[in-house]
């Protein structure tokens, strides 16, 4: 009954808005709507088929505000904004990793001023990442609640198209990332701390197999970071199943979530195991429809590996050595330290 009343009120409001809107506004609204449809249905699929993470990252950073300006022309760019802001958050996270590694090198060399400066810079960039990611989450959540007449985290949308499901997934994961990054940035953005449990509930609405094991992997990551969240849960089994699904589907996003979750609890052995698994299948082929998502996953796994290598040796992961480590034997009797020479 409540849902019907909500639909009736929404329809009435739209009708009144249409009757009171001027001719120019109607034209602007139609143009904005058509443009956004072209972006969602015509531009996004080919973009997802590319592997150039840096280009996608730069595109999102530059064009996010431009797409958002569609509101000035009576359009609703929320879904595209969620995609772009989520991607732009990747740019900021990459910058934050660079600053963190600068901090590690300075600390190794006992350069206190440089280390302190790097840590401050890292937190600033993490705050930018959190801001972008929370914007992605907020836009997705608001639009889904309006479009499908649901309460995010309490009810599941009856999705009308795959694009909406993809945005729901990316926006939800962005919300989780926003909370983690804001905590690391001393909560300068103010991302609500109940975002993670809300996302955990919401991700139940997605088909785990259809979306490469990512929904359940994200849920398992949340179980890992919330105190007491892992009680009664098969976290390792959930990650393992989700990674198998991702490997078969050609999108290894679940691996990133497993690695980040292990990293958050300082389980170095699990982080290593996950990185090795990511690179183990030499015949792996990325899903051609979502090649960019897998490329982003790979760049994030490189970040995780770079952090470990820098902490131990002062340098990033050597070229072609993702899945290998400084204290292992490479090719029988050759020490992995030779990678650094």
C-alpha atoms as a PDB file:
ATOM      1  CA  UNK A   1       0.000   0.000   0.000  1.00  0.00           C
ATOM      2  CA  UNK A   2       2.781   2.404   0.959  1.00  0.00           C
ATOM      3  CA  UNK A   3       4.606   1.597  -2.264  1.00  0.00           C
ATOM      4  CA  UNK A   4       1.497   2.379  -4.328  1.00  0.00           C
ATOM      5  CA  UNK A   5       1.010   5.693  -2.563  1.00  0.00           C
ATOM      6  CA  UNK A   6       4.665   6.548  -3.187  1.00  0.00           C
ATOM      7  CA  UNK A   7       4.292   5.774  -6.890  1.00  0.00           C
ATOM      8  CA  UNK A   8       1.108   7.832  -7.096  1.00  0.00           C
ATOM      9  CA  UNK A   9       2.704  10.832  -5.397  1.00  0.00           C
ATOM     10  CA  UNK A  10       5.768  10.575  -7.617  1.00  0.00           C
ATOM     11  CA  UNK A  11       3.658  10.360 -10.780  1.00  0.00           C
ATOM     12  CA  UNK A  12       1.568  13.314  -9.666  1.00  0.00           C
ATOM     13  CA  UNK A  13       4.662  15.386  -8.938  1.00  0.00           C
ATOM     14  CA  UNK A  14       6.102  14.563 -12.354  1.00  0.00           C
ATOM     15  CA  UNK A  15       2.847  15.474 -14.059  1.00  0.00           C
ATOM     16  CA  UNK A  16       2.647  18.820 -12.263  1.00  0.00           C
ATOM     17  CA  UNK A  17       6.298  19.479 -13.063  1.00  0.00           C
ATOM     18  CA  UNK A  18       5.707  18.746 -16.744  1.00  0.00           C
ATOM     19  CA  UNK A  19       2.668  21.063 -16.898  1.00  0.00           C
ATOM     20  CA  UNK A  20       4.489  23.945 -15.218  1.00  0.00           C
ATOM     21  CA  UNK A  21       7.771  23.544 -17.080  1.00  0.00           C
ATOM     22  CA  UNK A  22       8.333  26.063 -19.857  1.00  0.00           C
ATOM     23  CA  UNK A  23       8.884  25.128 -23.493  1.00  0.00           C
ATOM     24  CA  UNK A  24      12.649  25.760 -23.377  1.00  0.00           C
ATOM     25  CA  UNK A  25      12.953  23.704 -20.214  1.00  0.00           C
ATOM     26  CA  UNK A  26      11.129  20.798 -21.853  1.00  0.00           C
ATOM     27  CA  UNK A  27      13.502  20.933 -24.807  1.00  0.00           C
ATOM     28  CA  UNK A  28      16.527  21.084 -22.499  1.00  0.00           C
ATOM     29  CA  UNK A  29      15.176  18.158 -20.499  1.00  0.00           C
ATOM     30  CA  UNK A  30      14.693  16.048 -23.627  1.00  0.00           C
ATOM     31  CA  UNK A  31      18.165  16.893 -24.930  1.00  0.00           C
ATOM     32  CA  UNK A  32      19.775  16.082 -21.563  1.00  0.00           C
ATOM     33  CA  UNK A  33      17.874  12.818 -21.298  1.00  0.00           C
ATOM     34  CA  UNK A  34      18.869  11.761 -24.802  1.00  0.00           C
ATOM     35  CA  UNK A  35      22.515  12.687 -24.217  1.00  0.00           C
ATOM     36  CA  UNK A  36      22.659  10.727 -20.969  1.00  0.00           C
ATOM     37  CA  UNK A  37      21.045   7.708 -22.646  1.00  0.00           C
ATOM     38  CA  UNK A  38      23.710   7.837 -25.348  1.00  0.00           C
ATOM     39  CA  UNK A  39      26.436   7.978 -22.693  1.00  0.00           C
ATOM     40  CA  UNK A  40      24.963   5.085 -20.707  1.00  0.00           C
ATOM     41  CA  UNK A  41      24.028   2.793 -23.589  1.00  0.00           C
ATOM     42  CA  UNK A  42      26.359   3.878 -26.383  1.00  0.00           C
ATOM     43  CA  UNK A  43      29.590   5.116 -24.818  1.00  0.00           C
ATOM     44  CA  UNK A  44      29.916   3.053 -21.648  1.00  0.00           C
ATOM     45  CA  UNK A  45      29.993  -0.476 -23.189  1.00  0.00           C
ATOM     46  CA  UNK A  46      32.906   0.282 -25.577  1.00  0.00           C
ATOM     47  CA  UNK A  47      34.780   2.014 -22.752  1.00  0.00           C
ATOM     48  CA  UNK A  48      34.412  -1.068 -20.551  1.00  0.00           C
ATOM     49  CA  UNK A  49      36.023  -3.112 -23.333  1.00  0.00           C
ATOM     50  CA  UNK A  50      39.309  -1.185 -23.147  1.00  0.00           C
ATOM     51  CA  UNK A  51      42.295  -1.939 -20.897  1.00  0.00           C
ATOM     52  CA  UNK A  52      43.710   1.566 -20.458  1.00  0.00           C
ATOM     53  CA  UNK A  53      43.085   2.279 -16.775  1.00  0.00           C
ATOM     54  CA  UNK A  54      44.948   5.580 -16.774  1.00  0.00           C
ATOM     55  CA  UNK A  55      42.969   6.915 -19.719  1.00  0.00           C
ATOM     56  CA  UNK A  56      39.654   5.837 -18.170  1.00  0.00           C
ATOM     57  CA  UNK A  57      40.772   7.385 -14.911  1.00  0.00           C
ATOM     58  CA  UNK A  58      41.632  10.716 -16.545  1.00  0.00           C
ATOM     59  CA  UNK A  59      38.412  10.687 -18.559  1.00  0.00           C
ATOM     60  CA  UNK A  60      36.363  10.222 -15.402  1.00  0.00           C
ATOM     61  CA  UNK A  61      38.182  12.979 -13.532  1.00  0.00           C
ATOM     62  CA  UNK A  62      37.806  15.494 -16.361  1.00  0.00           C
ATOM     63  CA  UNK A  63      34.261  14.666 -17.440  1.00  0.00           C
ATOM     64  CA  UNK A  64      32.619  13.986 -14.079  1.00  0.00           C
ATOM     65  CA  UNK A  65      31.733  17.656 -13.496  1.00  0.00           C
ATOM     66  CA  UNK A  66      30.647  18.017 -17.134  1.00  0.00           C
ATOM     67  CA  UNK A  67      28.183  15.132 -16.881  1.00  0.00           C
ATOM     68  CA  UNK A  68      26.961  16.427 -13.522  1.00  0.00           C
ATOM     69  CA  UNK A  69      26.125  19.749 -15.185  1.00  0.00           C
ATOM     70  CA  UNK A  70      23.215  17.997 -16.931  1.00  0.00           C
ATOM     71  CA  UNK A  71      21.189  18.856 -13.828  1.00  0.00           C
ATOM     72  CA  UNK A  72      21.234  22.465 -14.976  1.00  0.00           C
ATOM     73  CA  UNK A  73      19.334  21.290 -18.040  1.00  0.00           C
ATOM     74  CA  UNK A  74      16.743  19.215 -16.165  1.00  0.00           C
ATOM     75  CA  UNK A  75      18.546  15.915 -16.691  1.00  0.00           C
ATOM     76  CA  UNK A  76      19.405  13.316 -14.055  1.00  0.00           C
ATOM     77  CA  UNK A  77      22.994  12.139 -14.541  1.00  0.00           C
ATOM     78  CA  UNK A  78      23.156  10.233 -11.241  1.00  0.00           C
ATOM     79  CA  UNK A  79      23.991   6.821 -12.704  1.00  0.00           C
ATOM     80  CA  UNK A  80      26.726   8.107 -15.006  1.00  0.00           C
ATOM     81  CA  UNK A  81      28.044  10.255 -12.166  1.00  0.00           C
ATOM     82  CA  UNK A  82      28.287   7.163  -9.977  1.00  0.00           C
ATOM     83  CA  UNK A  83      30.366   5.386 -12.622  1.00  0.00           C
ATOM     84  CA  UNK A  84      32.631   8.379 -13.240  1.00  0.00           C
ATOM     85  CA  UNK A  85      33.127   9.272  -9.579  1.00  0.00           C
ATOM     86  CA  UNK A  86      33.877   5.640  -8.760  1.00  0.00           C
ATOM     87  CA  UNK A  87      36.522   5.621 -11.503  1.00  0.00           C
ATOM     88  CA  UNK A  88      37.913   8.984 -10.382  1.00  0.00           C
ATOM     89  CA  UNK A  89      38.317   7.507  -6.914  1.00  0.00           C
ATOM     90  CA  UNK A  90      40.705   4.959  -8.428  1.00  0.00           C
ATOM     91  CA  UNK A  91      42.897   7.856  -9.618  1.00  0.00           C
ATOM     92  CA  UNK A  92      43.093   9.272  -6.102  1.00  0.00           C
ATOM     93  CA  UNK A  93      43.803   5.879  -4.538  1.00  0.00           C
ATOM     94  CA  UNK A  94      46.698   5.375  -6.962  1.00  0.00           C
ATOM     95  CA  UNK A  95      48.130   8.751  -5.935  1.00  0.00           C
ATOM     96  CA  UNK A  96      47.711   7.818  -2.276  1.00  0.00           C
ATOM     97  CA  UNK A  97      49.693   4.605  -2.821  1.00  0.00           C
ATOM     98  CA  UNK A  98      52.503   6.630  -4.386  1.00  0.00           C
ATOM     99  CA  UNK A  99      52.625   8.909  -1.347  1.00  0.00           C
ATOM    100  CA  UNK A 100      52.510   5.926   1.026  1.00  0.00           C
ATOM    101  CA  UNK A 101      55.503   4.366  -0.710  1.00  0.00           C
ATOM    102  CA  UNK A 102      57.332   7.698  -0.503  1.00  0.00           C
ATOM    103  CA  UNK A 103      56.648   7.607   3.227  1.00  0.00           C
ATOM    104  CA  UNK A 104      58.019   4.059   3.493  1.00  0.00           C
ATOM    105  CA  UNK A 105      61.235   4.925   1.665  1.00  0.00           C
ATOM    106  CA  UNK A 106      61.766   8.053   3.763  1.00  0.00           C
ATOM    107  CA  UNK A 107      61.155   6.096   6.961  1.00  0.00           C
ATOM    108  CA  UNK A 108      63.687   3.430   5.877  1.00  0.00           C
ATOM    109  CA  UNK A 109      66.259   6.149   5.320  1.00  0.00           C
ATOM    110  CA  UNK A 110      65.346   7.921   8.572  1.00  0.00           C
ATOM    111  CA  UNK A 111      64.351  11.145   6.794  1.00  0.00           C
ATOM    112  CA  UNK A 112      61.735  12.300   9.268  1.00  0.00           C
ATOM    113  CA  UNK A 113      60.655  15.492   7.475  1.00  0.00           C
ATOM    114  CA  UNK A 114      60.158  13.693   4.173  1.00  0.00           C
ATOM    115  CA  UNK A 115      58.264  10.863   5.870  1.00  0.00           C
ATOM    116  CA  UNK A 116      55.948  13.264   7.660  1.00  0.00           C
ATOM    117  CA  UNK A 117      55.302  15.238   4.476  1.00  0.00           C
ATOM    118  CA  UNK A 118      54.494  12.052   2.555  1.00  0.00           C
ATOM    119  CA  UNK A 119      52.050  10.901   5.225  1.00  0.00           C
ATOM    120  CA  UNK A 120      50.259  14.263   5.179  1.00  0.00           C
ATOM    121  CA  UNK A 121      50.068  14.175   1.370  1.00  0.00           C
ATOM    122  CA  UNK A 122      48.732  10.611   1.498  1.00  0.00           C
ATOM    123  CA  UNK A 123      45.925  11.580   3.869  1.00  0.00           C
ATOM    124  CA  UNK A 124      44.970  14.551   1.724  1.00  0.00           C
ATOM    125  CA  UNK A 125      44.670  12.389  -1.373  1.00  0.00           C
ATOM    126  CA  UNK A 126      42.752   9.715   0.548  1.00  0.00           C
ATOM    127  CA  UNK A 127      40.281  12.409   1.573  1.00  0.00           C
ATOM    128  CA  UNK A 128      39.787  13.282  -2.103  1.00  0.00           C
ATOM    129  CA  UNK A 129      39.270   9.584  -2.876  1.00  0.00           C
ATOM    130  CA  UNK A 130      36.729   9.254  -0.066  1.00  0.00           C
ATOM    131  CA  UNK A 131      34.864  12.351  -1.287  1.00  0.00           C
ATOM    132  CA  UNK A 132      34.629  11.021  -4.835  1.00  0.00           C
ATOM    133  CA  UNK A 133      33.690   7.513  -3.761  1.00  0.00           C
ATOM    134  CA  UNK A 134      31.042   8.665  -1.334  1.00  0.00           C
ATOM    135  CA  UNK A 135      29.587  10.887  -4.061  1.00  0.00           C
ATOM    136  CA  UNK A 136      29.406   7.804  -6.304  1.00  0.00           C
ATOM    137  CA  UNK A 137      27.687   5.851  -3.537  1.00  0.00           C
ATOM    138  CA  UNK A 138      25.264   8.666  -2.717  1.00  0.00           C
ATOM    139  CA  UNK A 139      24.269   9.255  -6.354  1.00  0.00           C
ATOM    140  CA  UNK A 140      23.724   5.532  -6.908  1.00  0.00           C
ATOM    141  CA  UNK A 141      21.735   5.056  -3.727  1.00  0.00           C
ATOM    142  CA  UNK A 142      19.514   8.097  -4.263  1.00  0.00           C
ATOM    143  CA  UNK A 143      18.765   7.195  -7.883  1.00  0.00           C
ATOM    144  CA  UNK A 144      18.025   3.542  -7.124  1.00  0.00           C
ATOM    145  CA  UNK A 145      15.621   4.513  -4.347  1.00  0.00           C
ATOM    146  CA  UNK A 146      13.838   6.980  -6.621  1.00  0.00           C
ATOM    147  CA  UNK A 147      13.757   4.768  -9.701  1.00  0.00           C
ATOM    148  CA  UNK A 148      12.767   1.488  -8.071  1.00  0.00           C
ATOM    149  CA  UNK A 149      10.823   2.782  -5.042  1.00  0.00           C
ATOM    150  CA  UNK A 150      12.992   0.885  -2.561  1.00  0.00           C
ATOM    151  CA  UNK A 151      14.975   1.615   0.569  1.00  0.00           C
ATOM    152  CA  UNK A 152      18.615   0.787  -0.081  1.00  0.00           C
ATOM    153  CA  UNK A 153      19.845  -1.973   2.188  1.00  0.00           C
ATOM    154  CA  UNK A 154      16.312  -3.034   3.146  1.00  0.00           C
ATOM    155  CA  UNK A 155      14.661  -3.877  -0.182  1.00  0.00           C
ATOM    156  CA  UNK A 156      15.957  -5.153  -3.502  1.00  0.00           C
ATOM    157  CA  UNK A 157      15.340  -3.334  -6.783  1.00  0.00           C
ATOM    158  CA  UNK A 158      13.756  -5.214  -9.661  1.00  0.00           C
ATOM    159  CA  UNK A 159      16.435  -4.176 -12.085  1.00  0.00           C
ATOM    160  CA  UNK A 160      15.325  -3.277 -15.593  1.00  0.00           C
ATOM    161  CA  UNK A 161      18.751  -3.441 -17.236  1.00  0.00           C
ATOM    162  CA  UNK A 162      22.282  -4.668 -16.664  1.00  0.00           C
ATOM    163  CA  UNK A 163      23.648  -1.125 -16.564  1.00  0.00           C
ATOM    164  CA  UNK A 164      21.616  -0.409 -13.440  1.00  0.00           C
ATOM    165  CA  UNK A 165      22.962  -3.565 -11.793  1.00  0.00           C
ATOM    166  CA  UNK A 166      26.527  -2.623 -12.702  1.00  0.00           C
ATOM    167  CA  UNK A 167      26.093   0.861 -11.224  1.00  0.00           C
ATOM    168  CA  UNK A 168      24.508  -0.683  -8.120  1.00  0.00           C
ATOM    169  CA  UNK A 169      27.602  -2.889  -7.694  1.00  0.00           C
ATOM    170  CA  UNK A 170      30.186  -0.202  -8.420  1.00  0.00           C
ATOM    171  CA  UNK A 171      28.403   2.391  -6.300  1.00  0.00           C
ATOM    172  CA  UNK A 172      28.073  -0.004  -3.380  1.00  0.00           C
ATOM    173  CA  UNK A 173      31.752  -0.954  -3.497  1.00  0.00           C
ATOM    174  CA  UNK A 174      32.604   2.754  -3.758  1.00  0.00           C
ATOM    175  CA  UNK A 175      30.670   3.364  -0.548  1.00  0.00           C
ATOM    176  CA  UNK A 176      32.747   0.737   1.250  1.00  0.00           C
ATOM    177  CA  UNK A 177      35.977   2.210  -0.132  1.00  0.00           C
ATOM    178  CA  UNK A 178      34.867   5.714   0.872  1.00  0.00           C
ATOM    179  CA  UNK A 179      34.393   4.657   4.481  1.00  0.00           C
ATOM    180  CA  UNK A 180      37.795   2.943   4.652  1.00  0.00           C
ATOM    181  CA  UNK A 181      39.632   5.821   2.989  1.00  0.00           C
ATOM    182  CA  UNK A 182      37.911   8.415   5.157  1.00  0.00           C
ATOM    183  CA  UNK A 183      39.001   6.557   8.286  1.00  0.00           C
ATOM    184  CA  UNK A 184      42.584   6.537   6.965  1.00  0.00           C
ATOM    185  CA  UNK A 185      42.266  10.281   6.282  1.00  0.00           C
ATOM    186  CA  UNK A 186      41.212  10.929   9.897  1.00  0.00           C
ATOM    187  CA  UNK A 187      37.540  11.184   8.895  1.00  0.00           C
ATOM    188  CA  UNK A 188      37.929  14.573   7.265  1.00  0.00           C
ATOM    189  CA  UNK A 189      35.063  13.858   4.846  1.00  0.00           C
ATOM    190  CA  UNK A 190      32.622  12.489   7.398  1.00  0.00           C
ATOM    191  CA  UNK A 191      31.507   9.321   5.615  1.00  0.00           C
ATOM    192  CA  UNK A 192      28.928   7.612   7.878  1.00  0.00           C
ATOM    193  CA  UNK A 193      30.441   4.613   9.636  1.00  0.00           C
ATOM    194  CA  UNK A 194      27.260   2.598   9.101  1.00  0.00           C
ATOM    195  CA  UNK A 195      27.941   2.579   5.346  1.00  0.00           C
ATOM    196  CA  UNK A 196      29.698  -0.812   5.420  1.00  0.00           C
ATOM    197  CA  UNK A 197      26.893  -2.809   7.103  1.00  0.00           C
ATOM    198  CA  UNK A 198      24.376  -1.077   4.832  1.00  0.00           C
ATOM    199  CA  UNK A 199      26.361  -2.084   1.755  1.00  0.00           C
ATOM    200  CA  UNK A 200      26.672  -5.658   3.058  1.00  0.00           C
ATOM    201  CA  UNK A 201      22.893  -5.975   3.170  1.00  0.00           C
ATOM    202  CA  UNK A 202      22.381  -4.286  -0.192  1.00  0.00           C
ATOM    203  CA  UNK A 203      24.812  -6.550  -2.048  1.00  0.00           C
ATOM    204  CA  UNK A 204      22.594  -9.545  -1.312  1.00  0.00           C
ATOM    205  CA  UNK A 205      20.372  -8.185  -4.088  1.00  0.00           C
ATOM    206  CA  UNK A 206      22.907  -8.997  -6.808  1.00  0.00           C
ATOM    207  CA  UNK A 207      23.512 -12.337  -8.520  1.00  0.00           C
ATOM    208  CA  UNK A 208      26.985 -13.347  -7.332  1.00  0.00           C
ATOM    209  CA  UNK A 209      27.669 -15.557 -10.347  1.00  0.00           C
ATOM    210  CA  UNK A 210      26.476 -13.004 -12.890  1.00  0.00           C
ATOM    211  CA  UNK A 211      28.725 -10.325 -11.413  1.00  0.00           C
ATOM    212  CA  UNK A 212      31.975 -12.316 -11.265  1.00  0.00           C
ATOM    213  CA  UNK A 213      31.779 -13.222  -7.544  1.00  0.00           C
ATOM    214  CA  UNK A 214      32.272  -9.568  -6.600  1.00  0.00           C
ATOM    215  CA  UNK A 215      29.096  -9.084  -4.495  1.00  0.00           C
ATOM    216  CA  UNK A 216      29.865 -11.882  -2.038  1.00  0.00           C
ATOM    217  CA  UNK A 217      33.577 -11.046  -2.017  1.00  0.00           C
ATOM    218  CA  UNK A 218      32.701  -7.490  -0.990  1.00  0.00           C
ATOM    219  CA  UNK A 219      30.402  -8.846   1.708  1.00  0.00           C
ATOM    220  CA  UNK A 220      33.194 -11.112   2.987  1.00  0.00           C
ATOM    221  CA  UNK A 221      35.538  -8.113   3.061  1.00  0.00           C
ATOM    222  CA  UNK A 222      33.002  -6.265   5.202  1.00  0.00           C
ATOM    223  CA  UNK A 223      32.734  -9.254   7.557  1.00  0.00           C
ATOM    224  CA  UNK A 224      36.519  -9.063   7.923  1.00  0.00           C
ATOM    225  CA  UNK A 225      36.757  -5.379   8.801  1.00  0.00           C
ATOM    226  CA  UNK A 226      33.743  -5.047  11.111  1.00  0.00           C
ATOM    227  CA  UNK A 227      34.511  -6.182  14.687  1.00  0.00           C
ATOM    228  CA  UNK A 228      32.650  -9.439  15.281  1.00  0.00           C
ATOM    229  CA  UNK A 229      31.413  -9.451  11.686  1.00  0.00           C
ATOM    230  CA  UNK A 230      33.145 -12.721  10.818  1.00  0.00           C
ATOM    231  CA  UNK A 231      31.471 -14.730  13.593  1.00  0.00           C
ATOM    232  CA  UNK A 232      29.576 -17.651  12.097  1.00  0.00           C
ATOM    233  CA  UNK A 233      30.722 -16.692   8.578  1.00  0.00           C
ATOM    234  CA  UNK A 234      32.940 -18.711   6.259  1.00  0.00           C
ATOM    235  CA  UNK A 235      35.062 -15.766   5.155  1.00  0.00           C
ATOM    236  CA  UNK A 236      37.858 -17.788   3.534  1.00  0.00           C
ATOM    237  CA  UNK A 237      35.396 -20.111   1.802  1.00  0.00           C
ATOM    238  CA  UNK A 238      33.386 -17.169   0.489  1.00  0.00           C
ATOM    239  CA  UNK A 239      36.504 -15.524  -0.913  1.00  0.00           C
ATOM    240  CA  UNK A 240      37.653 -18.797  -2.471  1.00  0.00           C
ATOM    241  CA  UNK A 241      34.302 -19.440  -4.168  1.00  0.00           C
ATOM    242  CA  UNK A 242      34.035 -15.857  -5.376  1.00  0.00           C
ATOM    243  CA  UNK A 243      37.566 -15.893  -6.799  1.00  0.00           C
ATOM    244  CA  UNK A 244      36.804 -19.106  -8.692  1.00  0.00           C
ATOM    245  CA  UNK A 245      33.728 -17.460 -10.179  1.00  0.00           C
ATOM    246  CA  UNK A 246      35.750 -14.390 -11.145  1.00  0.00           C
ATOM    247  CA  UNK A 247      38.477 -16.458 -12.777  1.00  0.00           C
ATOM    248  CA  UNK A 248      35.920 -18.350 -14.851  1.00  0.00           C
ATOM    249  CA  UNK A 249      34.044 -15.161 -15.762  1.00  0.00           C
ATOM    250  CA  UNK A 250      37.163 -13.235 -16.747  1.00  0.00           C
ATOM    251  CA  UNK A 251      36.896 -10.485 -14.114  1.00  0.00           C
ATOM    252  CA  UNK A 252      39.120 -10.832 -11.028  1.00  0.00           C
ATOM    253  CA  UNK A 253      37.595  -8.138  -8.842  1.00  0.00           C
ATOM    254  CA  UNK A 254      37.003 -10.646  -6.024  1.00  0.00           C
ATOM    255  CA  UNK A 255      40.764 -11.187  -5.736  1.00  0.00           C
ATOM    256  CA  UNK A 256      41.313  -7.512  -4.950  1.00  0.00           C
ATOM    257  CA  UNK A 257      38.704  -7.611  -2.205  1.00  0.00           C
ATOM    258  CA  UNK A 258      40.305 -10.712  -0.698  1.00  0.00           C
ATOM    259  CA  UNK A 259      43.759  -9.102  -0.767  1.00  0.00           C
ATOM    260  CA  UNK A 260      42.570  -5.804   0.707  1.00  0.00           C
ATOM    261  CA  UNK A 261      40.655  -7.629   3.448  1.00  0.00           C
ATOM    262  CA  UNK A 262      43.758  -9.659   4.353  1.00  0.00           C
ATOM    263  CA  UNK A 263      45.872  -6.519   4.268  1.00  0.00           C
ATOM    264  CA  UNK A 264      43.476  -4.698   6.614  1.00  0.00           C
ATOM    265  CA  UNK A 265      44.056  -7.352   9.296  1.00  0.00           C
ATOM    266  CA  UNK A 266      47.795  -7.567   8.513  1.00  0.00           C
ATOM    267  CA  UNK A 267      47.590 -11.167   7.286  1.00  0.00           C
ATOM    268  CA  UNK A 268      50.660 -11.044   5.049  1.00  0.00           C
ATOM    269  CA  UNK A 269      50.507 -14.749   4.196  1.00  0.00           C
ATOM    270  CA  UNK A 270      46.953 -14.404   2.890  1.00  0.00           C
ATOM    271  CA  UNK A 271      47.890 -11.302   0.892  1.00  0.00           C
ATOM    272  CA  UNK A 272      50.750 -13.185  -0.765  1.00  0.00           C
ATOM    273  CA  UNK A 273      48.564 -16.182  -1.478  1.00  0.00           C
ATOM    274  CA  UNK A 274      45.927 -13.990  -3.128  1.00  0.00           C
ATOM    275  CA  UNK A 275      48.459 -12.132  -5.280  1.00  0.00           C
ATOM    276  CA  UNK A 276      49.957 -15.446  -6.404  1.00  0.00           C
ATOM    277  CA  UNK A 277      46.519 -16.785  -7.220  1.00  0.00           C
ATOM    278  CA  UNK A 278      45.745 -13.668  -9.254  1.00  0.00           C
ATOM    279  CA  UNK A 279      48.673 -14.399 -11.571  1.00  0.00           C
ATOM    280  CA  UNK A 280      48.645 -18.217 -11.391  1.00  0.00           C
ATOM    281  CA  UNK A 281      46.493 -18.932 -14.451  1.00  0.00           C
ATOM    282  CA  UNK A 282      48.712 -18.097 -17.412  1.00  0.00           C
ATOM    283  CA  UNK A 283      45.851 -18.878 -19.811  1.00  0.00           C
ATOM    284  CA  UNK A 284      43.484 -16.411 -18.148  1.00  0.00           C
ATOM    285  CA  UNK A 285      41.567 -14.201 -20.560  1.00  0.00           C
ATOM    286  CA  UNK A 286      39.689 -11.121 -19.440  1.00  0.00           C
ATOM    287  CA  UNK A 287      35.990 -10.897 -20.231  1.00  0.00           C
ATOM    288  CA  UNK A 288      35.901  -8.781 -23.422  1.00  0.00           C
ATOM    289  CA  UNK A 289      32.767  -6.940 -22.278  1.00  0.00           C
ATOM    290  CA  UNK A 290      34.323  -5.923 -18.947  1.00  0.00           C
ATOM    291  CA  UNK A 291      38.007  -5.835 -19.804  1.00  0.00           C
ATOM    292  CA  UNK A 292      38.448  -2.471 -18.076  1.00  0.00           C
ATOM    293  CA  UNK A 293      37.082  -3.797 -14.766  1.00  0.00           C
ATOM    294  CA  UNK A 294      39.643  -6.601 -14.786  1.00  0.00           C
ATOM    295  CA  UNK A 295      42.385  -4.142 -15.757  1.00  0.00           C
ATOM    296  CA  UNK A 296      41.459  -1.949 -12.790  1.00  0.00           C
ATOM    297  CA  UNK A 297      41.575  -5.050 -10.584  1.00  0.00           C
ATOM    298  CA  UNK A 298      45.057  -5.828 -11.886  1.00  0.00           C
ATOM    299  CA  UNK A 299      46.268  -2.270 -11.246  1.00  0.00           C
ATOM    300  CA  UNK A 300      44.982  -2.492  -7.683  1.00  0.00           C
ATOM    301  CA  UNK A 301      46.714  -5.824  -7.146  1.00  0.00           C
ATOM    302  CA  UNK A 302      49.926  -4.230  -8.393  1.00  0.00           C
ATOM    303  CA  UNK A 303      49.379  -1.499  -5.795  1.00  0.00           C
ATOM    304  CA  UNK A 304      49.051  -4.110  -3.051  1.00  0.00           C
ATOM    305  CA  UNK A 305      52.200  -5.855  -4.275  1.00  0.00           C
ATOM    306  CA  UNK A 306      54.083  -2.554  -4.610  1.00  0.00           C
ATOM    307  CA  UNK A 307      53.293  -1.699  -1.006  1.00  0.00           C
ATOM    308  CA  UNK A 308      54.732  -5.031   0.179  1.00  0.00           C
ATOM    309  CA  UNK A 309      57.845  -4.773  -2.011  1.00  0.00           C
ATOM    310  CA  UNK A 310      58.517  -1.171  -0.988  1.00  0.00           C
ATOM    311  CA  UNK A 311      58.150  -1.959   2.687  1.00  0.00           C
ATOM    312  CA  UNK A 312      60.634  -4.825   2.386  1.00  0.00           C
ATOM    313  CA  UNK A 313      63.105  -3.564  -0.229  1.00  0.00           C
ATOM    314  CA  UNK A 314      62.469   0.139  -0.831  1.00  0.00           C
ATOM    315  CA  UNK A 315      61.345  -0.362  -4.440  1.00  0.00           C
ATOM    316  CA  UNK A 316      58.136  -1.290  -6.241  1.00  0.00           C
ATOM    317  CA  UNK A 317      57.357  -4.699  -7.736  1.00  0.00           C
ATOM    318  CA  UNK A 318      59.910  -5.346 -10.521  1.00  0.00           C
ATOM    319  CA  UNK A 319      58.594  -5.485 -14.076  1.00  0.00           C
ATOM    320  CA  UNK A 320      57.016  -8.849 -14.853  1.00  0.00           C
ATOM    321  CA  UNK A 321      57.250  -9.969 -11.234  1.00  0.00           C
ATOM    322  CA  UNK A 322      53.686  -9.631  -9.958  1.00  0.00           C
ATOM    323  CA  UNK A 323      53.115 -12.778  -7.902  1.00  0.00           C
ATOM    324  CA  UNK A 324      56.809 -13.117  -7.025  1.00  0.00           C
ATOM    325  CA  UNK A 325      58.499 -11.906  -3.851  1.00  0.00           C
ATOM    326  CA  UNK A 326      61.940 -10.708  -2.779  1.00  0.00           C
ATOM    327  CA  UNK A 327      62.602 -13.562  -0.336  1.00  0.00           C
ATOM    328  CA  UNK A 328      61.721 -16.422  -2.671  1.00  0.00           C
ATOM    329  CA  UNK A 329      63.704 -18.502  -5.110  1.00  0.00           C
ATOM    330  CA  UNK A 330      63.054 -17.676  -8.740  1.00  0.00           C
ATOM    331  CA  UNK A 331      63.679 -20.404 -11.274  1.00  0.00           C
ATOM    332  CA  UNK A 332      65.291 -22.899  -8.954  1.00  0.00           C
ATOM    333  CA  UNK A 333      68.618 -21.576  -7.638  1.00  0.00           C
ATOM    334  CA  UNK A 334      68.222 -17.921  -8.634  1.00  0.00           C
ATOM    335  CA  UNK A 335      67.309 -15.697  -5.701  1.00  0.00           C
ATOM    336  CA  UNK A 336      64.431 -13.322  -6.249  1.00  0.00           C
ATOM    337  CA  UNK A 337      66.702 -10.445  -5.180  1.00  0.00           C
ATOM    338  CA  UNK A 338      68.102 -10.670  -8.703  1.00  0.00           C
ATOM    339  CA  UNK A 339      64.874  -9.042  -9.901  1.00  0.00           C
ATOM    340  CA  UNK A 340      66.145  -5.801  -8.387  1.00  0.00           C
ATOM    341  CA  UNK A 341      69.452  -5.790 -10.291  1.00  0.00           C
END
